[in-house]
Amino acid sequence: MNIERDFERLKEIGKFLRRTRQGCGLSQDQLASRCDLTKSNISNIENGNKDFNFSTFLEYAKGLNKHPKELLDNDFAFLKAWN
């Protein structure tokens, strides 16, 4: 992981995932019980403290009962560099 490059991306994604989880009315404990992630892992992701792999992302989506595409279809600020 390139800390300088990835820190802001991870923070932005983590905040989005937290808002999405909260919008589903789930606590971190509840989400953890619905997928193969620990509360600690969820907390680290949502705080932008952990780079995570795609299978972890899929578990997070499963726990939210969301299609992964729904979580990727967002206007993240870091994506503007590709426009």
PDB file of N, CA and C in Angstrom:
ATOM      1  N   MET A   1       0.838  -1.181   0.000  1.00  0.00           N
ATOM      2  CA  MET A   1       0.000   0.000   0.000  1.00  0.00           C
ATOM      3  C   MET A   1       0.881   1.241   0.000  1.00  0.00           C
ATOM      4  N   ASN A   2       0.557   2.173  -0.846  1.00  0.00           N
ATOM      5  CA  ASN A   2       1.229   3.459  -0.878  1.00  0.00           C
ATOM      6  C   ASN A   2       0.434   4.405   0.023  1.00  0.00           C
ATOM      7  N   ILE A   3       0.921   4.642   1.227  1.00  0.00           N
ATOM      8  CA  ILE A   3       0.182   5.416   2.232  1.00  0.00           C
ATOM      9  C   ILE A   3      -0.217   6.785   1.708  1.00  0.00           C
ATOM     10  N   GLU A   4       0.717   7.502   1.101  1.00  0.00           N
ATOM     11  CA  GLU A   4       0.409   8.852   0.616  1.00  0.00           C
ATOM     12  C   GLU A   4      -0.684   8.829  -0.446  1.00  0.00           C
ATOM     13  N   ARG A   5      -0.618   7.878  -1.335  1.00  0.00           N
ATOM     14  CA  ARG A   5      -1.583   7.794  -2.424  1.00  0.00           C
ATOM     15  C   ARG A   5      -2.935   7.285  -1.942  1.00  0.00           C
ATOM     16  N   ASP A   6      -2.936   6.286  -1.087  1.00  0.00           N
ATOM     17  CA  ASP A   6      -4.159   5.569  -0.765  1.00  0.00           C
ATOM     18  C   ASP A   6      -4.916   6.081   0.453  1.00  0.00           C
ATOM     19  N   PHE A   7      -4.288   6.837   1.337  1.00  0.00           N
ATOM     20  CA  PHE A   7      -4.925   7.251   2.582  1.00  0.00           C
ATOM     21  C   PHE A   7      -6.251   7.972   2.347  1.00  0.00           C
ATOM     22  N   GLU A   8      -6.260   8.981   1.498  1.00  0.00           N
ATOM     23  CA  GLU A   8      -7.493   9.745   1.260  1.00  0.00           C
ATOM     24  C   GLU A   8      -8.559   8.887   0.590  1.00  0.00           C
ATOM     25  N   ARG A   9      -8.154   8.012  -0.301  1.00  0.00           N
ATOM     26  CA  ARG A   9      -9.108   7.104  -0.948  1.00  0.00           C
ATOM     27  C   ARG A   9      -9.772   6.205   0.079  1.00  0.00           C
ATOM     28  N   LEU A  10      -8.957   5.608   0.944  1.00  0.00           N
ATOM     29  CA  LEU A  10      -9.500   4.711   1.955  1.00  0.00           C
ATOM     30  C   LEU A  10     -10.413   5.446   2.929  1.00  0.00           C
ATOM     31  N   LYS A  11     -10.059   6.663   3.300  1.00  0.00           N
ATOM     32  CA  LYS A  11     -10.904   7.474   4.182  1.00  0.00           C
ATOM     33  C   LYS A  11     -12.257   7.743   3.531  1.00  0.00           C
ATOM     34  N   GLU A  12     -12.235   8.135   2.269  1.00  0.00           N
ATOM     35  CA  GLU A  12     -13.470   8.459   1.573  1.00  0.00           C
ATOM     36  C   GLU A  12     -14.368   7.225   1.415  1.00  0.00           C
ATOM     37  N   ILE A  13     -13.783   6.122   1.039  1.00  0.00           N
ATOM     38  CA  ILE A  13     -14.551   4.885   0.889  1.00  0.00           C
ATOM     39  C   ILE A  13     -15.092   4.440   2.247  1.00  0.00           C
ATOM     40  N   GLY A  14     -14.264   4.523   3.267  1.00  0.00           N
ATOM     41  CA  GLY A  14     -14.697   4.131   4.607  1.00  0.00           C
ATOM     42  C   GLY A  14     -15.874   4.944   5.105  1.00  0.00           C
ATOM     43  N   LYS A  15     -15.826   6.251   4.897  1.00  0.00           N
ATOM     44  CA  LYS A  15     -16.951   7.118   5.310  1.00  0.00           C
ATOM     45  C   LYS A  15     -18.217   6.744   4.553  1.00  0.00           C
ATOM     46  N   PHE A  16     -18.080   6.470   3.265  1.00  0.00           N
ATOM     47  CA  PHE A  16     -19.234   6.069   2.463  1.00  0.00           C
ATOM     48  C   PHE A  16     -19.817   4.755   2.970  1.00  0.00           C
ATOM     49  N   LEU A  17     -18.949   3.786   3.253  1.00  0.00           N
ATOM     50  CA  LEU A  17     -19.431   2.496   3.742  1.00  0.00           C
ATOM     51  C   LEU A  17     -20.113   2.641   5.100  1.00  0.00           C
ATOM     52  N   ARG A  18     -19.570   3.496   5.969  1.00  0.00           N
ATOM     53  CA  ARG A  18     -20.207   3.739   7.268  1.00  0.00           C
ATOM     54  C   ARG A  18     -21.594   4.335   7.081  1.00  0.00           C
ATOM     55  N   ARG A  19     -21.696   5.354   6.243  1.00  0.00           N
ATOM     56  CA  ARG A  19     -23.017   5.980   6.005  1.00  0.00           C
ATOM     57  C   ARG A  19     -24.003   4.959   5.430  1.00  0.00           C
ATOM     58  N   THR A  20     -23.524   4.117   4.542  1.00  0.00           N
ATOM     59  CA  THR A  20     -24.384   3.095   3.946  1.00  0.00           C
ATOM     60  C   THR A  20     -24.852   2.104   5.008  1.00  0.00           C
ATOM     61  N   ARG A  21     -23.930   1.643   5.844  1.00  0.00           N
ATOM     62  CA  ARG A  21     -24.287   0.717   6.928  1.00  0.00           C
ATOM     63  C   ARG A  21     -25.304   1.349   7.862  1.00  0.00           C
ATOM     64  N   GLN A  22     -25.047   2.579   8.261  1.00  0.00           N
ATOM     65  CA  GLN A  22     -25.963   3.268   9.160  1.00  0.00           C
ATOM     66  C   GLN A  22     -27.324   3.489   8.501  1.00  0.00           C
ATOM     67  N   GLY A  23     -27.306   3.773   7.205  1.00  0.00           N
ATOM     68  CA  GLY A  23     -28.552   3.937   6.463  1.00  0.00           C
ATOM     69  C   GLY A  23     -29.370   2.658   6.410  1.00  0.00           C
ATOM     70  N   CYS A  24     -28.700   1.533   6.539  1.00  0.00           N
ATOM     71  CA  CYS A  24     -29.380   0.227   6.596  1.00  0.00           C
ATOM     72  C   CYS A  24     -29.850  -0.086   8.014  1.00  0.00           C
ATOM     73  N   GLY A  25     -29.532   0.796   8.955  1.00  0.00           N
ATOM     74  CA  GLY A  25     -29.943   0.598  10.340  1.00  0.00           C
ATOM     75  C   GLY A  25     -29.144  -0.465  11.067  1.00  0.00           C
ATOM     76  N   LEU A  26     -27.900  -0.674  10.646  1.00  0.00           N
ATOM     77  CA  LEU A  26     -27.071  -1.719  11.239  1.00  0.00           C
ATOM     78  C   LEU A  26     -25.931  -1.135  12.061  1.00  0.00           C
ATOM     79  N   SER A  27     -25.655  -1.750  13.183  1.00  0.00           N
ATOM     80  CA  SER A  27     -24.446  -1.432  13.941  1.00  0.00           C
ATOM     81  C   SER A  27     -23.303  -2.255  13.341  1.00  0.00           C
ATOM     82  N   GLN A  28     -22.094  -1.966  13.758  1.00  0.00           N
ATOM     83  CA  GLN A  28     -20.960  -2.758  13.296  1.00  0.00           C
ATOM     84  C   GLN A  28     -21.090  -4.205  13.772  1.00  0.00           C
ATOM     85  N   ASP A  29     -21.576  -4.404  14.982  1.00  0.00           N
ATOM     86  CA  ASP A  29     -21.787  -5.763  15.494  1.00  0.00           C
ATOM     87  C   ASP A  29     -22.800  -6.520  14.645  1.00  0.00           C
ATOM     88  N   GLN A  30     -23.887  -5.855  14.299  1.00  0.00           N
ATOM     89  CA  GLN A  30     -24.917  -6.502  13.487  1.00  0.00           C
ATOM     90  C   GLN A  30     -24.391  -6.864  12.106  1.00  0.00           C
ATOM     91  N   LEU A  31     -23.628  -5.944  11.502  1.00  0.00           N
ATOM     92  CA  LEU A  31     -23.047  -6.230  10.194  1.00  0.00           C
ATOM     93  C   LEU A  31     -22.092  -7.415  10.289  1.00  0.00           C
ATOM     94  N   ALA A  32     -21.257  -7.424  11.312  1.00  0.00           N
ATOM     95  CA  ALA A  32     -20.292  -8.518  11.486  1.00  0.00           C
ATOM     96  C   ALA A  32     -21.000  -9.863  11.611  1.00  0.00           C
ATOM     97  N   SER A  33     -22.146  -9.879  12.266  1.00  0.00           N
ATOM     98  CA  SER A  33     -22.860 -11.144  12.443  1.00  0.00           C
ATOM     99  C   SER A  33     -23.510 -11.636  11.144  1.00  0.00           C
ATOM    100  N   ARG A  34     -23.607 -10.740  10.148  1.00  0.00           N
ATOM    101  CA  ARG A  34     -24.243 -11.093   8.880  1.00  0.00           C
ATOM    102  C   ARG A  34     -23.239 -11.484   7.802  1.00  0.00           C
ATOM    103  N   CYS A  35     -21.952 -11.360   8.093  1.00  0.00           N
ATOM    104  CA  CYS A  35     -20.941 -11.675   7.085  1.00  0.00           C
ATOM    105  C   CYS A  35     -19.685 -12.194   7.773  1.00  0.00           C
ATOM    106  N   ASP A  36     -18.709 -12.542   6.994  1.00  0.00           N
ATOM    107  CA  ASP A  36     -17.480 -13.117   7.533  1.00  0.00           C
ATOM    108  C   ASP A  36     -16.428 -12.032   7.793  1.00  0.00           C
ATOM    109  N   LEU A  37     -16.808 -11.037   8.607  1.00  0.00           N
ATOM    110  CA  LEU A  37     -15.892  -9.974   9.010  1.00  0.00           C
ATOM    111  C   LEU A  37     -16.050  -9.750  10.507  1.00  0.00           C
ATOM    112  N   THR A  38     -15.000  -9.293  11.144  1.00  0.00           N
ATOM    113  CA  THR A  38     -15.091  -8.964  12.562  1.00  0.00           C
ATOM    114  C   THR A  38     -15.480  -7.503  12.717  1.00  0.00           C
ATOM    115  N   LYS A  39     -15.985  -7.167  13.900  1.00  0.00           N
ATOM    116  CA  LYS A  39     -16.316  -5.769  14.190  1.00  0.00           C
ATOM    117  C   LYS A  39     -15.062  -4.900  14.058  1.00  0.00           C
ATOM    118  N   SER A  40     -13.936  -5.412  14.531  1.00  0.00           N
ATOM    119  CA  SER A  40     -12.672  -4.681  14.442  1.00  0.00           C
ATOM    120  C   SER A  40     -12.296  -4.410  12.988  1.00  0.00           C
ATOM    121  N   ASN A  41     -12.459  -5.411  12.137  1.00  0.00           N
ATOM    122  CA  ASN A  41     -12.160  -5.255  10.718  1.00  0.00           C
ATOM    123  C   ASN A  41     -13.059  -4.190  10.100  1.00  0.00           C
ATOM    124  N   ILE A  42     -14.341  -4.240  10.415  1.00  0.00           N
ATOM    125  CA  ILE A  42     -15.303  -3.254   9.895  1.00  0.00           C
ATOM    126  C   ILE A  42     -14.926  -1.859  10.361  1.00  0.00           C
ATOM    127  N   SER A  43     -14.585  -1.722  11.625  1.00  0.00           N
ATOM    128  CA  SER A  43     -14.187  -0.422  12.168  1.00  0.00           C
ATOM    129  C   SER A  43     -12.961   0.128  11.452  1.00  0.00           C
ATOM    130  N   ASN A  44     -11.955  -0.728  11.251  1.00  0.00           N
ATOM    131  CA  ASN A  44     -10.739  -0.285  10.558  1.00  0.00           C
ATOM    132  C   ASN A  44     -11.016   0.145   9.128  1.00  0.00           C
ATOM    133  N   ILE A  45     -11.892  -0.567   8.446  1.00  0.00           N
ATOM    134  CA  ILE A  45     -12.260  -0.196   7.075  1.00  0.00           C
ATOM    135  C   ILE A  45     -12.990   1.138   7.069  1.00  0.00           C
ATOM    136  N   GLU A  46     -13.971   1.280   7.927  1.00  0.00           N
ATOM    137  CA  GLU A  46     -14.783   2.498   7.948  1.00  0.00           C
ATOM    138  C   GLU A  46     -13.996   3.726   8.383  1.00  0.00           C
ATOM    139  N   ASN A  47     -12.942   3.522   9.157  1.00  0.00           N
ATOM    140  CA  ASN A  47     -12.097   4.639   9.576  1.00  0.00           C
ATOM    141  C   ASN A  47     -10.948   4.908   8.612  1.00  0.00           C
ATOM    142  N   GLY A  48     -10.869   4.121   7.550  1.00  0.00           N
ATOM    143  CA  GLY A  48      -9.814   4.304   6.563  1.00  0.00           C
ATOM    144  C   GLY A  48      -8.460   3.850   7.051  1.00  0.00           C
ATOM    145  N   ASN A  49      -8.434   3.025   8.076  1.00  0.00           N
ATOM    146  CA  ASN A  49      -7.176   2.569   8.662  1.00  0.00           C
ATOM    147  C   ASN A  49      -6.674   1.257   8.074  1.00  0.00           C
ATOM    148  N   LYS A  50      -7.464   0.665   7.195  1.00  0.00           N
ATOM    149  CA  LYS A  50      -7.092  -0.647   6.666  1.00  0.00           C
ATOM    150  C   LYS A  50      -7.372  -0.712   5.177  1.00  0.00           C
ATOM    151  N   ASP A  51      -6.349  -1.070   4.439  1.00  0.00           N
ATOM    152  CA  ASP A  51      -6.554  -1.386   3.032  1.00  0.00           C
ATOM    153  C   ASP A  51      -7.147  -2.788   3.004  1.00  0.00           C
ATOM    154  N   PHE A  52      -8.142  -3.000   2.182  1.00  0.00           N
ATOM    155  CA  PHE A  52      -8.815  -4.296   2.197  1.00  0.00           C
ATOM    156  C   PHE A  52      -8.877  -4.866   0.795  1.00  0.00           C
ATOM    157  N   ASN A  53      -8.999  -6.188   0.729  1.00  0.00           N
ATOM    158  CA  ASN A  53      -9.024  -6.846  -0.570  1.00  0.00           C
ATOM    159  C   ASN A  53     -10.464  -6.976  -1.075  1.00  0.00           C
ATOM    160  N   PHE A  54     -10.582  -7.442  -2.278  1.00  0.00           N
ATOM    161  CA  PHE A  54     -11.893  -7.502  -2.918  1.00  0.00           C
ATOM    162  C   PHE A  54     -12.822  -8.483  -2.229  1.00  0.00           C
ATOM    163  N   SER A  55     -12.305  -9.595  -1.737  1.00  0.00           N
ATOM    164  CA  SER A  55     -13.171 -10.556  -1.057  1.00  0.00           C
ATOM    165  C   SER A  55     -13.744  -9.959   0.229  1.00  0.00           C
ATOM    166  N   THR A  56     -12.977  -9.112   0.903  1.00  0.00           N
ATOM    167  CA  THR A  56     -13.488  -8.410   2.082  1.00  0.00           C
ATOM    168  C   THR A  56     -14.602  -7.448   1.673  1.00  0.00           C
ATOM    169  N   PHE A  57     -14.403  -6.745   0.578  1.00  0.00           N
ATOM    170  CA  PHE A  57     -15.436  -5.848   0.060  1.00  0.00           C
ATOM    171  C   PHE A  57     -16.722  -6.617  -0.252  1.00  0.00           C
ATOM    172  N   LEU A  58     -16.581  -7.793  -0.845  1.00  0.00           N
ATOM    173  CA  LEU A  58     -17.752  -8.613  -1.169  1.00  0.00           C
ATOM    174  C   LEU A  58     -18.477  -9.061   0.098  1.00  0.00           C
ATOM    175  N   GLU A  59     -17.735  -9.410   1.137  1.00  0.00           N
ATOM    176  CA  GLU A  59     -18.358  -9.786   2.412  1.00  0.00           C
ATOM    177  C   GLU A  59     -19.111  -8.603   3.015  1.00  0.00           C
ATOM    178  N   TYR A  60     -18.518  -7.423   2.941  1.00  0.00           N
ATOM    179  CA  TYR A  60     -19.167  -6.213   3.457  1.00  0.00           C
ATOM    180  C   TYR A  60     -20.489  -5.997   2.721  1.00  0.00           C
ATOM    181  N   ALA A  61     -20.467  -6.108   1.402  1.00  0.00           N
ATOM    182  CA  ALA A  61     -21.684  -5.945   0.599  1.00  0.00           C
ATOM    183  C   ALA A  61     -22.719  -7.002   0.981  1.00  0.00           C
ATOM    184  N   LYS A  62     -22.279  -8.241   1.149  1.00  0.00           N
ATOM    185  CA  LYS A  62     -23.187  -9.320   1.537  1.00  0.00           C
ATOM    186  C   LYS A  62     -23.853  -9.009   2.871  1.00  0.00           C
ATOM    187  N   GLY A  63     -23.074  -8.529   3.825  1.00  0.00           N
ATOM    188  CA  GLY A  63     -23.613  -8.180   5.136  1.00  0.00           C
ATOM    189  C   GLY A  63     -24.649  -7.078   5.079  1.00  0.00           C
ATOM    190  N   LEU A  64     -24.488  -6.174   4.121  1.00  0.00           N
ATOM    191  CA  LEU A  64     -25.458  -5.092   3.936  1.00  0.00           C
ATOM    192  C   LEU A  64     -26.654  -5.515   3.088  1.00  0.00           C
ATOM    193  N   ASN A  65     -26.561  -6.732   2.536  1.00  0.00           N
ATOM    194  CA  ASN A  65     -27.583  -7.222   1.602  1.00  0.00           C
ATOM    195  C   ASN A  65     -27.689  -6.298   0.386  1.00  0.00           C
ATOM    196  N   LYS A  66     -26.514  -5.867  -0.100  1.00  0.00           N
ATOM    197  CA  LYS A  66     -26.428  -4.984  -1.263  1.00  0.00           C
ATOM    198  C   LYS A  66     -25.612  -5.677  -2.346  1.00  0.00           C
ATOM    199  N   HIS A  67     -25.964  -5.427  -3.572  1.00  0.00           N
ATOM    200  CA  HIS A  67     -25.140  -5.893  -4.679  1.00  0.00           C
ATOM    201  C   HIS A  67     -23.866  -5.052  -4.654  1.00  0.00           C
ATOM    202  N   PRO A  68     -22.704  -5.660  -4.852  1.00  0.00           N
ATOM    203  CA  PRO A  68     -21.453  -4.890  -4.826  1.00  0.00           C
ATOM    204  C   PRO A  68     -21.481  -3.668  -5.750  1.00  0.00           C
ATOM    205  N   LYS A  69     -22.177  -3.793  -6.873  1.00  0.00           N
ATOM    206  CA  LYS A  69     -22.252  -2.666  -7.813  1.00  0.00           C
ATOM    207  C   LYS A  69     -22.868  -1.434  -7.155  1.00  0.00           C
ATOM    208  N   GLU A  70     -23.821  -1.654  -6.258  1.00  0.00           N
ATOM    209  CA  GLU A  70     -24.445  -0.526  -5.555  1.00  0.00           C
ATOM    210  C   GLU A  70     -23.424   0.248  -4.723  1.00  0.00           C
ATOM    211  N   LEU A  71     -22.454  -0.465  -4.183  1.00  0.00           N
ATOM    212  CA  LEU A  71     -21.443   0.193  -3.357  1.00  0.00           C
ATOM    213  C   LEU A  71     -20.345   0.838  -4.191  1.00  0.00           C
ATOM    214  N   LEU A  72     -20.187   0.370  -5.405  1.00  0.00           N
ATOM    215  CA  LEU A  72     -19.172   0.947  -6.290  1.00  0.00           C
ATOM    216  C   LEU A  72     -19.705   2.127  -7.092  1.00  0.00           C
ATOM    217  N   ASP A  73     -21.011   2.186  -7.238  1.00  0.00           N
ATOM    218  CA  ASP A  73     -21.642   3.227  -8.047  1.00  0.00           C
ATOM    219  C   ASP A  73     -21.848   4.483  -7.205  1.00  0.00           C
ATOM    220  N   ASN A  74     -20.755   5.167  -6.957  1.00  0.00           N
ATOM    221  CA  ASN A  74     -20.780   6.376  -6.141  1.00  0.00           C
ATOM    222  C   ASN A  74     -19.827   7.394  -6.765  1.00  0.00           C
ATOM    223  N   ASP A  75     -20.095   8.626  -6.557  1.00  0.00           N
ATOM    224  CA  ASP A  75     -19.280   9.691  -7.131  1.00  0.00           C
ATOM    225  C   ASP A  75     -18.136  10.055  -6.180  1.00  0.00           C
ATOM    226  N   PHE A  76     -17.198   9.129  -6.012  1.00  0.00           N
ATOM    227  CA  PHE A  76     -16.054   9.390  -5.130  1.00  0.00           C
ATOM    228  C   PHE A  76     -15.182  10.487  -5.733  1.00  0.00           C
ATOM    229  N   ALA A  77     -14.690  11.366  -4.882  1.00  0.00           N
ATOM    230  CA  ALA A  77     -13.852  12.480  -5.337  1.00  0.00           C
ATOM    231  C   ALA A  77     -12.599  11.987  -6.052  1.00  0.00           C
ATOM    232  N   PHE A  78     -12.001  10.907  -5.581  1.00  0.00           N
ATOM    233  CA  PHE A  78     -10.750  10.435  -6.190  1.00  0.00           C
ATOM    234  C   PHE A  78     -10.965   9.907  -7.595  1.00  0.00           C
ATOM    235  N   LEU A  79     -12.205   9.601  -7.967  1.00  0.00           N
ATOM    236  CA  LEU A  79     -12.472   9.120  -9.319  1.00  0.00           C
ATOM    237  C   LEU A  79     -12.459  10.233 -10.365  1.00  0.00           C
ATOM    238  N   LYS A  80     -12.563  11.455  -9.920  1.00  0.00           N
ATOM    239  CA  LYS A  80     -12.565  12.587 -10.845  1.00  0.00           C
ATOM    240  C   LYS A  80     -11.253  12.686 -11.625  1.00  0.00           C
ATOM    241  N   ALA A  81     -10.193  12.103 -11.100  1.00  0.00           N
ATOM    242  CA  ALA A  81      -8.899  12.106 -11.785  1.00  0.00           C
ATOM    243  C   ALA A  81      -8.966  11.314 -13.092  1.00  0.00           C
ATOM    244  N   TRP A  82      -9.938  10.412 -13.197  1.00  0.00           N
ATOM    245  CA  TRP A  82     -10.072   9.601 -14.400  1.00  0.00           C
ATOM    246  C   TRP A  82     -10.913  10.283 -15.466  1.00  0.00           C
ATOM    247  N   ASN A  83     -11.538  11.379 -15.139  1.00  0.00           N
ATOM    248  CA  ASN A  83     -12.375  12.108 -16.121  1.00  0.00           C
ATOM    249  C   ASN A  83     -11.572  13.055 -16.959  1.00  0.00           C
TER     250      ASN A  83
END
